[in-house]
Amino acid sequence: MLMIDDYGSSRRTSDGALDFLEDVIMQRYDGARPILITTNLSGQDIEAGRGARVWSRLKGMARENVFTINGGDFRDNFRWEV
């Protein structure tokens, strides 16, 4: 099992690193190997940012196994006491 956390995050990532990550996704797809991806992006955002090819493979691997969890940032409600 491969897990990719926070796929497509806004942090700056080199094009080479993104290309490598997408190659890994394609290899997992071609080999029918499992992958677990978390993201804050919608499908439309992934397709617009990384291309229809990657989004198509992710949808193909997910089938019906997509879970949406709605909620805010838990850090917004945290109070530091000194």
C-alpha atoms as a PDB file:
ATOM      1  CA  MET A   1       0.000   0.000   0.000  1.00  0.00           C
ATOM      2  CA  LEU A   2       1.258   3.464  -0.870  1.00  0.00           C
ATOM      3  CA  MET A   3      -0.122   6.554   0.848  1.00  0.00           C
ATOM      4  CA  ILE A   4       0.265  10.076  -0.499  1.00  0.00           C
ATOM      5  CA  ASP A   5      -0.793  12.687   2.023  1.00  0.00           C
ATOM      6  CA  ASP A   6      -1.992  16.153   1.005  1.00  0.00           C
ATOM      7  CA  TYR A   7      -1.698  15.572  -2.744  1.00  0.00           C
ATOM      8  CA  GLY A   8      -1.643  18.823  -4.675  1.00  0.00           C
ATOM      9  CA  SER A   9      -0.951  20.984  -1.652  1.00  0.00           C
ATOM     10  CA  SER A  10      -0.093  24.598  -2.284  1.00  0.00           C
ATOM     11  CA  ARG A  11       3.522  24.211  -1.204  1.00  0.00           C
ATOM     12  CA  ARG A  12       5.991  24.876  -3.968  1.00  0.00           C
ATOM     13  CA  THR A  13       7.169  21.669  -5.542  1.00  0.00           C
ATOM     14  CA  SER A  14       9.488  21.394  -8.507  1.00  0.00           C
ATOM     15  CA  ASP A  15       8.059  20.205 -11.799  1.00  0.00           C
ATOM     16  CA  GLY A  16      10.487  17.280 -11.705  1.00  0.00           C
ATOM     17  CA  ALA A  17       9.183  16.133  -8.327  1.00  0.00           C
ATOM     18  CA  LEU A  18       5.574  16.426  -9.511  1.00  0.00           C
ATOM     19  CA  ASP A  19       6.404  14.503 -12.680  1.00  0.00           C
ATOM     20  CA  PHE A  20       8.010  11.759 -10.576  1.00  0.00           C
ATOM     21  CA  LEU A  21       4.947  11.567  -8.305  1.00  0.00           C
ATOM     22  CA  GLU A  22       2.666  11.326 -11.314  1.00  0.00           C
ATOM     23  CA  ASP A  23       4.848   8.550 -12.752  1.00  0.00           C
ATOM     24  CA  VAL A  24       4.408   6.669  -9.467  1.00  0.00           C
ATOM     25  CA  ILE A  25       0.632   7.101  -9.726  1.00  0.00           C
ATOM     26  CA  MET A  26       0.680   5.819 -13.321  1.00  0.00           C
ATOM     27  CA  GLN A  27       2.790   2.788 -12.347  1.00  0.00           C
ATOM     28  CA  ARG A  28       0.402   1.990  -9.491  1.00  0.00           C
ATOM     29  CA  TYR A  29      -2.518   2.257 -11.916  1.00  0.00           C
ATOM     30  CA  ASP A  30      -0.878   0.081 -14.582  1.00  0.00           C
ATOM     31  CA  GLY A  31       0.079  -2.530 -11.974  1.00  0.00           C
ATOM     32  CA  ALA A  32      -3.354  -2.489 -10.284  1.00  0.00           C
ATOM     33  CA  ARG A  33      -1.580  -1.743  -6.997  1.00  0.00           C
ATOM     34  CA  PRO A  34      -3.364   0.051  -4.150  1.00  0.00           C
ATOM     35  CA  ILE A  35      -2.828   3.704  -3.323  1.00  0.00           C
ATOM     36  CA  LEU A  36      -4.410   5.914  -0.682  1.00  0.00           C
ATOM     37  CA  ILE A  37      -4.431   9.638  -1.358  1.00  0.00           C
ATOM     38  CA  THR A  38      -5.591  12.484   0.851  1.00  0.00           C
ATOM     39  CA  THR A  39      -6.194  15.944  -0.582  1.00  0.00           C
ATOM     40  CA  ASN A  40      -8.083  19.153   0.021  1.00  0.00           C
ATOM     41  CA  LEU A  41      -8.646  19.535  -3.718  1.00  0.00           C
ATOM     42  CA  SER A  42     -11.760  18.758  -5.705  1.00  0.00           C
ATOM     43  CA  GLY A  43     -11.572  16.514  -8.726  1.00  0.00           C
ATOM     44  CA  GLN A  44     -11.894  19.561 -10.956  1.00  0.00           C
ATOM     45  CA  ASP A  45      -8.947  21.193  -9.147  1.00  0.00           C
ATOM     46  CA  ILE A  46      -6.764  18.108  -9.627  1.00  0.00           C
ATOM     47  CA  GLU A  47      -7.680  17.902 -13.301  1.00  0.00           C
ATOM     48  CA  ALA A  48      -7.005  21.610 -13.860  1.00  0.00           C
ATOM     49  CA  GLY A  49      -3.728  21.573 -11.953  1.00  0.00           C
ATOM     50  CA  ARG A  50      -2.201  18.225 -12.906  1.00  0.00           C
ATOM     51  CA  GLY A  51      -4.068  17.229 -16.055  1.00  0.00           C
ATOM     52  CA  ALA A  52      -6.867  15.009 -17.260  1.00  0.00           C
ATOM     53  CA  ARG A  53      -4.574  11.972 -17.557  1.00  0.00           C
ATOM     54  CA  VAL A  54      -3.698  11.893 -13.850  1.00  0.00           C
ATOM     55  CA  TRP A  55      -7.271  12.654 -12.783  1.00  0.00           C
ATOM     56  CA  SER A  56      -8.597   9.895 -15.045  1.00  0.00           C
ATOM     57  CA  ARG A  57      -6.219   7.320 -13.501  1.00  0.00           C
ATOM     58  CA  LEU A  58      -7.107   8.399  -9.959  1.00  0.00           C
ATOM     59  CA  LYS A  59     -10.823   8.084 -10.716  1.00  0.00           C
ATOM     60  CA  GLY A  60     -10.228   4.684 -12.303  1.00  0.00           C
ATOM     61  CA  MET A  61      -8.407   3.409  -9.232  1.00  0.00           C
ATOM     62  CA  ALA A  62     -10.925   4.868  -6.787  1.00  0.00           C
ATOM     63  CA  ARG A  63     -14.085   3.588  -8.398  1.00  0.00           C
ATOM     64  CA  GLU A  64     -16.640   4.001  -5.620  1.00  0.00           C
ATOM     65  CA  ASN A  65     -14.055   4.207  -2.836  1.00  0.00           C
ATOM     66  CA  VAL A  66     -14.010   7.983  -2.409  1.00  0.00           C
ATOM     67  CA  PHE A  67     -14.721   9.422   0.991  1.00  0.00           C
ATOM     68  CA  THR A  68     -15.455  13.091   1.561  1.00  0.00           C
ATOM     69  CA  ILE A  69     -14.883  14.474   5.008  1.00  0.00           C
ATOM     70  CA  ASN A  70     -16.141  17.989   5.537  1.00  0.00           C
ATOM     71  CA  GLY A  71     -14.951  20.164   8.346  1.00  0.00           C
ATOM     72  CA  GLY A  72     -12.845  23.112   9.238  1.00  0.00           C
ATOM     73  CA  ASP A  73      -9.267  23.387  10.317  1.00  0.00           C
ATOM     74  CA  PHE A  74      -9.049  22.075  13.877  1.00  0.00           C
ATOM     75  CA  ARG A  75      -6.152  24.424  14.495  1.00  0.00           C
ATOM     76  CA  ASP A  76      -8.482  27.411  14.187  1.00  0.00           C
ATOM     77  CA  ASN A  77     -10.191  26.409  17.440  1.00  0.00           C
ATOM     78  CA  PHE A  78      -7.068  25.633  19.429  1.00  0.00           C
ATOM     79  CA  ARG A  79      -6.134  27.969  22.279  1.00  0.00           C
ATOM     80  CA  TRP A  80      -2.606  28.231  23.521  1.00  0.00           C
ATOM     81  CA  GLU A  81      -2.329  28.987  27.204  1.00  0.00           C
ATOM     82  CA  VAL A  82       0.964  30.170  28.577  1.00  0.00           C
END
